[in-house]
Amino acid sequence: MARIILHVDMDSFYASVEELRNPDLKGKAIVTCMFSGRTKDSGAVSASNYKARELGIRSGMPIRAAKSLAKGKDVAFLPSDREYYWEVSSRVMQILRSYADQREGVSRRLQSMAFEQVSVDEAYLDVSRKAKGDWVKARKTAESIKKEVLEKERLTCSIGIGSNKLVAKMASKAQKPDGLTVVKDSEVRGFFENIPLSKLFGIGPKTLAGLEALGIKTTKELSEHDFKELEKALGSRKAKDLQDTSLGIDDSAVEEKEAQQISRMATLKKDSDDPKEIMEKIEELSEDVEKDLKEAGLHYKTISIILIDTRLQMQTRSRTTIESSSLKKNLDIAGELLEKFLSGNHESKLRRVGIRVSGFSQRKQRTLGEFPKA
């Protein structure tokens, strides 16, 4: 049975989420930024949508440089609200996870899936068993994923389908945004030969310069280059990795990552500095966290509250306590942390709040990767 992997890549995720939150941004170039606070424009771009990229604005670019490129253009510069992005991401990832194969030898109650979230907006799914090695079925699965994500979250994604993670990832980049690309086993060699060397996964500027020094300018040339010469210049391990990559070879498994924390975030009905109103929302959120803890058989040591004010400035307050599996028993700690924050920040009103637990130990055999939303 053929191994079939899907790589799902959300399109301009941060900017798309901001556009949904504020319809007035629709059609504009959108840039989300991590402001350092030193000056008005100090910091770096965290993400940009396709219209902003057409202006040359890229993630990692200094905000000042991005604004220079945007001068005279209709560009929205927004502070990155990463907690909110993770909140939306958690819902998307739950949709994606439901399409992945269930792990062999694991009871359905534990729901350990062949799913791997690699960032806030990317994930791999192994669908080999569900698709039964059929590429047509795999494509229909991808179409169903795109449809459900669009209907439930109003977001688009690009999906690549291949026989391994590397092929699937490169395929997802072939048609963006809102693309779907299938690369069957027989098509891998030809597909990779057409990928620019600079776009090949794992090749940065320094590696690219080293390859060009050897006269290697294309992916095809890399795949056919004398291995001994490549090994001499780059070392045995790197030479093999690069040549394998150029041929679309990748044996890595789709594996869930262990969660470091579990959290829930939500927006208050209205901006507030009323401890009672805020705690009601935190208590409501804690019910979901409590459920996750019990289902996973986890104990935690640290409880935190996450507070985002009307300026979209985020604050967290944490306390380590005696190891516990119950969040309800420790909600008084959350209340104390909130009271202390509000008493020292009289002029702050909160827009969004959240609760988080971390410092896990595990009491049941369970994959923790089911909770990437933290």
Protein backbone atom coordinates (compact mmCIF):
# COMPACT_ATOMS: atom_id res chain seq x y z
CA MET A 1 0.00 0.00 0.00
CA ALA A 2 1.39 3.39 -1.01
CA ARG A 3 2.31 5.83 1.73
CA ILE A 4 0.31 9.04 1.28
CA ILE A 5 1.06 12.22 3.24
CA LEU A 6 -0.75 15.57 3.17
CA HIS A 7 0.92 18.87 4.03
CA VAL A 8 -1.60 21.60 4.86
CA ASP A 9 -0.36 25.20 4.77
CA MET A 10 -2.78 27.97 5.71
CA ASP A 11 -2.71 30.94 3.33
CA SER A 12 -1.34 34.22 4.80
CA PHE A 13 -2.68 33.00 8.13
CA TYR A 14 -2.05 35.98 10.44
CA ALA A 15 -3.24 38.52 7.88
CA SER A 16 -6.26 36.42 6.89
CA VAL A 17 -7.34 36.10 10.52
CA GLU A 18 -6.99 39.86 10.99
CA GLU A 19 -9.09 40.47 7.87
CA LEU A 20 -11.84 38.26 9.25
CA ARG A 21 -11.73 40.09 12.57
CA ASN A 22 -11.91 43.48 10.85
CA PRO A 23 -13.79 43.40 7.50
CA ASP A 24 -12.59 46.97 6.76
CA LEU A 25 -9.19 45.42 5.98
CA LYS A 26 -10.57 43.33 3.13
CA GLY A 27 -8.65 43.89 -0.09
CA LYS A 28 -5.81 45.76 1.59
CA ALA A 29 -2.16 44.85 1.94
CA ILE A 30 -1.83 43.65 5.55
CA VAL A 31 1.34 43.45 7.63
CA THR A 32 1.42 42.08 11.17
CA CYS A 33 4.32 43.24 13.32
CA MET A 34 6.16 42.40 16.51
CA PHE A 35 6.81 45.87 17.93
CA SER A 36 9.79 46.06 20.30
CA GLY A 37 8.50 49.19 22.03
CA ARG A 38 11.80 51.09 21.78
CA THR A 39 10.40 53.49 19.17
CA LYS A 40 7.19 53.74 17.18
CA ASP A 41 8.57 51.71 14.29
CA SER A 42 11.12 49.47 16.00
CA GLY A 43 10.63 45.73 15.66
CA ALA A 44 10.13 43.26 12.83
CA VAL A 45 7.43 42.07 10.43
CA SER A 46 5.92 38.77 11.63
CA ALA A 47 3.79 38.12 8.52
CA SER A 48 2.42 39.77 5.39
CA ASN A 49 -0.36 38.86 3.01
CA TYR A 50 0.09 38.38 -0.74
CA LYS A 51 -0.68 42.01 -1.59
CA ALA A 52 1.96 43.19 0.88
CA ARG A 53 4.47 40.69 -0.54
CA GLU A 54 3.92 42.19 -3.99
CA LEU A 55 5.43 45.38 -2.51
CA GLY A 56 8.48 43.43 -1.33
CA ILE A 57 7.39 43.22 2.31
CA ARG A 58 8.48 39.93 3.91
CA SER A 59 8.47 38.38 7.38
CA GLY A 60 11.58 39.19 9.42
CA MET A 61 12.02 42.57 7.71
CA PRO A 62 12.48 45.61 10.01
CA ILE A 63 9.19 47.46 10.38
CA ARG A 64 10.86 50.71 9.36
CA ALA A 65 12.01 49.14 6.08
CA ALA A 66 8.55 47.69 5.45
CA LYS A 67 6.92 51.08 5.98
CA SER A 68 9.37 52.62 3.56
CA LEU A 69 8.28 50.12 0.87
CA ALA A 70 4.64 50.84 1.73
CA LYS A 71 4.96 54.61 1.49
CA GLY A 72 2.08 56.06 -0.51
CA LYS A 73 0.31 52.69 -0.61
CA ASP A 74 -2.80 51.50 1.23
CA VAL A 75 -1.11 49.16 3.72
CA ALA A 76 -2.38 48.22 7.19
CA PHE A 77 0.30 47.68 9.85
CA LEU A 78 -1.06 45.76 12.85
CA PRO A 79 0.42 44.41 16.10
CA SER A 80 0.69 40.61 16.09
CA ASP A 81 -1.96 39.09 18.35
CA ARG A 82 -0.30 35.69 18.63
CA GLU A 83 -2.58 34.34 21.34
CA TYR A 84 -5.59 35.00 19.12
CA TYR A 85 -3.87 33.39 16.12
CA TRP A 86 -3.22 30.26 18.20
CA GLU A 87 -6.85 30.27 19.30
CA VAL A 88 -8.00 30.16 15.66
CA SER A 89 -5.23 27.69 14.82
CA SER A 90 -6.42 25.27 17.49
CA ARG A 91 -9.84 25.06 15.81
CA VAL A 92 -8.30 24.55 12.38
CA MET A 93 -5.97 21.85 13.69
CA GLN A 94 -8.86 19.97 15.27
CA ILE A 95 -10.46 19.81 11.83
CA LEU A 96 -7.26 18.57 10.21
CA ARG A 97 -6.58 15.97 12.89
CA SER A 98 -9.96 14.37 12.31
CA TYR A 99 -8.91 13.41 8.77
CA ALA A 100 -5.64 11.68 9.74
CA ASP A 101 -5.20 7.94 10.17
CA GLN A 102 -5.62 6.55 13.65
CA ARG A 103 -2.41 5.07 15.02
CA GLU A 104 -2.26 1.29 14.90
CA GLY A 105 -2.54 -0.49 18.21
CA VAL A 106 -4.08 2.53 19.96
CA SER A 107 -7.63 2.47 21.26
CA ARG A 108 -10.11 4.84 19.66
CA ARG A 109 -10.78 6.40 23.04
CA LEU A 110 -7.24 7.73 23.14
CA GLN A 111 -7.51 9.11 19.58
CA SER A 112 -3.79 9.06 18.85
CA MET A 113 -3.63 10.19 15.24
CA ALA A 114 -1.00 10.19 12.50
CA PHE A 115 -0.93 13.96 12.67
CA GLU A 116 1.91 16.46 13.17
CA GLN A 117 1.45 20.17 13.69
CA VAL A 118 4.70 21.93 12.87
CA SER A 119 3.67 25.57 13.37
CA VAL A 120 0.64 27.75 13.99
CA ASP A 121 -0.40 27.36 10.34
CA GLU A 122 1.14 24.11 9.06
CA ALA A 123 0.54 20.41 9.66
CA TYR A 124 1.20 16.97 8.19
CA LEU A 125 -1.39 14.20 8.00
CA ASP A 126 -0.73 10.57 7.16
CA VAL A 127 -3.81 9.30 5.31
CA SER A 128 -2.31 6.10 3.88
CA ARG A 129 -4.79 3.79 5.58
CA LYS A 130 -7.89 5.91 5.05
CA ALA A 131 -7.04 6.46 1.40
CA LYS A 132 -6.01 2.80 1.05
CA GLY A 133 -3.08 3.87 -1.08
CA ASP A 134 -5.42 5.48 -3.62
CA TRP A 135 -4.28 8.91 -4.86
CA VAL A 136 -7.80 9.80 -6.03
CA LYS A 137 -9.18 9.14 -2.54
CA ALA A 138 -6.36 11.18 -1.07
CA ARG A 139 -7.24 14.10 -3.33
CA LYS A 140 -10.89 13.87 -2.29
CA THR A 141 -9.78 13.94 1.34
CA ALA A 142 -7.80 17.11 0.67
CA GLU A 143 -10.80 18.68 -1.07
CA SER A 144 -12.98 17.82 1.94
CA ILE A 145 -10.43 19.43 4.28
CA LYS A 146 -10.33 22.62 2.23
CA LYS A 147 -14.12 22.77 2.12
CA GLU A 148 -14.57 22.23 5.87
CA VAL A 149 -11.89 24.76 6.85
CA LEU A 150 -13.46 27.34 4.53
CA GLU A 151 -17.01 26.70 5.77
CA LYS A 152 -16.16 26.66 9.49
CA GLU A 153 -13.32 29.20 9.70
CA ARG A 154 -13.68 31.17 6.42
CA LEU A 155 -9.99 30.55 5.71
CA THR A 156 -8.23 29.02 2.73
CA CYS A 157 -5.32 26.62 2.74
CA SER A 158 -2.96 25.07 0.22
CA ILE A 159 -2.43 21.31 0.34
CA GLY A 160 0.34 19.19 -1.08
CA ILE A 161 -0.01 15.41 -1.43
CA GLY A 162 2.98 13.12 -1.77
CA SER A 163 4.55 9.85 -0.74
CA ASN A 164 6.50 11.49 2.10
CA LYS A 165 6.63 14.69 4.15
CA LEU A 166 9.21 16.39 1.94
CA VAL A 167 7.30 15.81 -1.29
CA ALA A 168 4.04 16.91 0.35
CA LYS A 169 5.61 20.11 1.71
CA MET A 170 7.14 21.11 -1.61
CA ALA A 171 3.86 20.26 -3.36
CA SER A 172 1.87 22.55 -1.06
CA LYS A 173 4.01 25.48 -2.23
CA ALA A 174 3.43 24.76 -5.91
CA GLN A 175 0.04 26.46 -6.07
CA LYS A 176 -0.66 29.23 -3.58
CA PRO A 177 -3.02 30.51 -2.42
CA ASP A 178 -5.86 27.99 -2.16
CA GLY A 179 -4.01 25.33 -4.13
CA LEU A 180 -4.04 21.53 -4.23
CA THR A 181 -1.12 19.65 -5.79
CA VAL A 182 -0.69 15.89 -6.05
CA VAL A 183 2.76 14.44 -6.75
CA LYS A 184 2.61 10.67 -7.26
CA ASP A 185 5.64 8.41 -6.87
CA SER A 186 6.23 8.32 -10.61
CA GLU A 187 6.17 12.14 -10.77
CA VAL A 188 8.61 12.95 -7.95
CA ARG A 189 11.81 13.11 -10.02
CA GLY A 190 10.33 15.40 -12.65
CA PHE A 191 8.60 17.58 -10.05
CA PHE A 192 11.79 18.18 -8.05
CA GLU A 193 13.88 18.92 -11.14
CA ASN A 194 11.64 21.93 -11.78
CA ILE A 195 12.01 23.39 -8.28
CA PRO A 196 14.47 26.33 -8.17
CA LEU A 197 17.51 25.42 -6.07
CA SER A 198 16.90 28.42 -3.80
CA LYS A 199 13.36 27.15 -3.04
CA LEU A 200 14.41 23.62 -2.13
CA PHE A 201 13.69 22.74 1.49
CA GLY A 202 16.77 23.02 3.73
CA ILE A 203 18.85 25.24 1.43
CA GLY A 204 19.68 28.62 2.91
CA PRO A 205 21.84 31.44 1.50
CA LYS A 206 25.15 29.96 2.74
CA THR A 207 24.42 26.48 1.39
CA LEU A 208 23.23 27.97 -1.89
CA ALA A 209 26.48 29.92 -2.24
CA GLY A 210 28.49 26.75 -1.50
CA LEU A 211 26.62 24.78 -4.15
CA GLU A 212 27.00 27.53 -6.72
CA ALA A 213 30.74 27.55 -6.01
CA LEU A 214 30.72 23.92 -7.14
CA GLY A 215 28.94 24.91 -10.33
CA ILE A 216 25.57 23.57 -9.13
CA LYS A 217 22.78 25.92 -10.16
CA THR A 218 19.70 23.70 -10.42
CA THR A 219 18.05 20.97 -8.39
CA LYS A 220 18.65 18.54 -11.27
CA GLU A 221 22.38 19.35 -11.21
CA LEU A 222 22.45 18.74 -7.45
CA SER A 223 20.78 15.34 -7.82
CA GLU A 224 23.28 14.28 -10.49
CA HIS A 225 26.44 15.82 -9.03
CA ASP A 226 29.36 13.57 -8.11
CA PHE A 227 28.75 12.59 -4.51
CA LYS A 228 32.42 12.39 -3.55
CA GLU A 229 33.01 15.99 -4.63
CA LEU A 230 29.89 17.08 -2.80
CA GLU A 231 31.00 15.17 0.31
CA LYS A 232 34.46 16.74 0.20
CA ALA A 233 33.01 20.25 0.06
CA LEU A 234 30.12 19.91 2.49
CA GLY A 235 30.76 16.83 4.63
CA SER A 236 29.25 13.37 4.36
CA ARG A 237 26.01 13.97 6.29
CA LYS A 238 25.10 17.26 4.65
CA ALA A 239 26.00 16.01 1.18
CA LYS A 240 23.72 12.98 1.58
CA ASP A 241 20.88 15.05 3.04
CA LEU A 242 21.03 17.57 0.21
CA GLN A 243 21.18 14.97 -2.53
CA ASP A 244 18.32 13.01 -0.94
CA THR A 245 16.30 16.22 -0.76
CA SER A 246 16.96 16.99 -4.43
CA LEU A 247 15.55 13.55 -5.26
CA GLY A 248 12.51 13.89 -2.99
CA ILE A 249 13.74 11.20 -0.58
CA ASP A 250 12.48 11.43 3.02
CA ASP A 251 11.82 8.58 5.44
CA SER A 252 10.72 10.65 8.46
CA ALA A 253 7.44 9.68 10.09
CA VAL A 254 4.44 11.88 10.79
CA GLU A 255 4.62 12.20 14.57
CA GLU A 256 2.66 14.19 17.08
CA LYS A 257 4.68 16.60 19.20
CA GLU A 258 4.37 16.64 22.96
CA ALA A 259 2.42 19.60 24.22
CA GLN A 260 4.22 21.92 26.60
CA GLN A 261 1.03 23.59 27.73
CA ILE A 262 -2.76 23.60 27.34
CA SER A 263 -4.63 26.88 27.12
CA ARG A 264 -7.87 28.56 26.10
CA MET A 265 -8.42 32.19 25.07
CA ALA A 266 -11.59 34.20 24.45
CA THR A 267 -12.77 37.77 23.88
CA LEU A 268 -14.87 39.40 26.59
CA LYS A 269 -18.36 40.60 25.68
CA LYS A 270 -17.13 44.12 26.38
CA ASP A 271 -13.85 45.70 27.49
CA SER A 272 -13.74 45.34 31.26
CA ASP A 273 -11.77 45.85 34.45
CA ASP A 274 -14.42 44.16 36.59
CA PRO A 275 -12.83 41.15 38.37
CA LYS A 276 -16.18 39.34 38.58
CA GLU A 277 -16.90 39.64 34.84
CA ILE A 278 -13.37 38.59 33.90
CA MET A 279 -13.31 35.63 36.28
CA GLU A 280 -16.61 34.37 34.89
CA LYS A 281 -14.99 34.12 31.48
CA ILE A 282 -11.84 32.48 32.91
CA GLU A 283 -13.98 29.94 34.77
CA GLU A 284 -15.85 29.18 31.55
CA LEU A 285 -12.57 28.61 29.68
CA SER A 286 -11.19 26.46 32.48
CA GLU A 287 -13.90 23.86 31.89
CA ASP A 288 -12.39 22.99 28.50
CA VAL A 289 -8.88 22.91 29.95
CA GLU A 290 -10.10 20.65 32.76
CA LYS A 291 -11.65 18.30 30.22
CA ASP A 292 -8.39 18.08 28.25
CA LEU A 293 -6.42 17.36 31.41
CA LYS A 294 -8.72 14.52 32.41
CA GLU A 295 -8.87 12.97 28.95
CA ALA A 296 -5.07 13.03 28.69
CA GLY A 297 -4.50 11.83 32.27
CA LEU A 298 -2.20 14.79 32.93
CA HIS A 299 -1.07 16.51 36.10
CA TYR A 300 0.27 20.08 35.94
CA LYS A 301 2.32 22.28 38.26
CA THR A 302 1.93 25.80 36.86
CA ILE A 303 -1.24 27.82 36.31
CA SER A 304 -1.21 31.07 34.33
CA ILE A 305 -3.68 33.73 33.29
CA ILE A 306 -3.27 35.55 29.97
CA LEU A 307 -4.53 39.13 29.76
CA ILE A 308 -4.77 41.30 26.63
CA ASP A 309 -5.78 44.94 27.12
CA THR A 310 -7.47 47.39 24.76
CA ARG A 311 -4.07 48.37 23.31
CA LEU A 312 -3.53 44.68 22.44
CA GLN A 313 -0.68 44.47 24.94
CA MET A 314 -0.41 41.00 26.42
CA GLN A 315 0.44 40.22 30.03
CA THR A 316 0.76 36.85 31.74
CA ARG A 317 0.76 36.06 35.43
CA SER A 318 1.78 32.63 36.69
CA ARG A 319 2.16 30.62 39.88
CA THR A 320 3.60 27.17 40.51
CA THR A 321 1.59 25.04 42.87
CA ILE A 322 1.38 21.46 44.14
CA GLU A 323 1.03 18.98 41.28
CA SER A 324 -2.64 18.56 40.43
CA SER A 325 -4.95 17.09 37.82
CA SER A 326 -7.81 19.45 38.67
CA LEU A 327 -7.99 23.03 37.49
CA LYS A 328 -11.25 23.77 39.33
CA LYS A 329 -9.50 23.33 42.66
CA ASN A 330 -6.95 25.98 41.72
CA LEU A 331 -9.19 28.65 40.22
CA ASP A 332 -8.71 30.69 43.38
CA ILE A 333 -5.07 31.08 42.30
CA ALA A 334 -6.25 32.48 38.96
CA GLY A 335 -8.49 34.89 40.86
CA GLU A 336 -5.62 36.05 43.06
CA LEU A 337 -3.37 36.58 40.05
CA LEU A 338 -6.11 38.62 38.35
CA GLU A 339 -6.80 40.76 41.44
CA LYS A 340 -3.10 41.51 41.81
CA PHE A 341 -2.82 42.56 38.18
CA LEU A 342 -5.88 44.81 38.26
CA SER A 343 -4.81 46.47 41.52
CA GLY A 344 -1.51 47.45 39.93
CA ASN A 345 -2.99 48.51 36.60
CA HIS A 346 -5.92 50.77 37.44
CA GLU A 347 -6.17 52.30 33.98
CA SER A 348 -6.16 49.00 32.09
CA LYS A 349 -9.28 47.45 30.64
CA LEU A 350 -9.09 43.95 29.28
CA ARG A 351 -10.34 42.88 25.87
CA ARG A 352 -9.34 39.20 25.85
CA VAL A 353 -8.42 36.73 28.58
CA GLY A 354 -7.20 33.19 28.85
CA ILE A 355 -6.03 30.47 31.20
CA ARG A 356 -3.09 28.10 30.75
CA VAL A 357 -1.59 25.12 32.57
CA SER A 358 1.92 23.74 32.08
CA GLY A 359 4.65 21.74 33.77
CA PHE A 360 3.05 18.40 32.93
CA SER A 361 3.57 14.92 34.25
CA GLN A 362 1.64 12.05 32.75
CA ARG A 363 -0.42 9.50 34.66
CA LYS A 364 -1.70 7.54 31.66
CA GLN A 365 -0.05 6.35 28.50
CA ARG A 366 -1.07 9.10 26.12
CA THR A 367 0.25 11.18 23.25
CA LEU A 368 0.34 14.79 24.34
CA GLY A 369 0.43 16.16 20.82
CA GLU A 370 -3.35 16.33 20.78
CA PHE A 371 -3.08 19.76 22.32
CA PRO A 372 -1.15 22.03 19.92
CA LYS A 373 -3.49 24.90 20.73
CA ALA A 374 -1.44 25.78 23.83
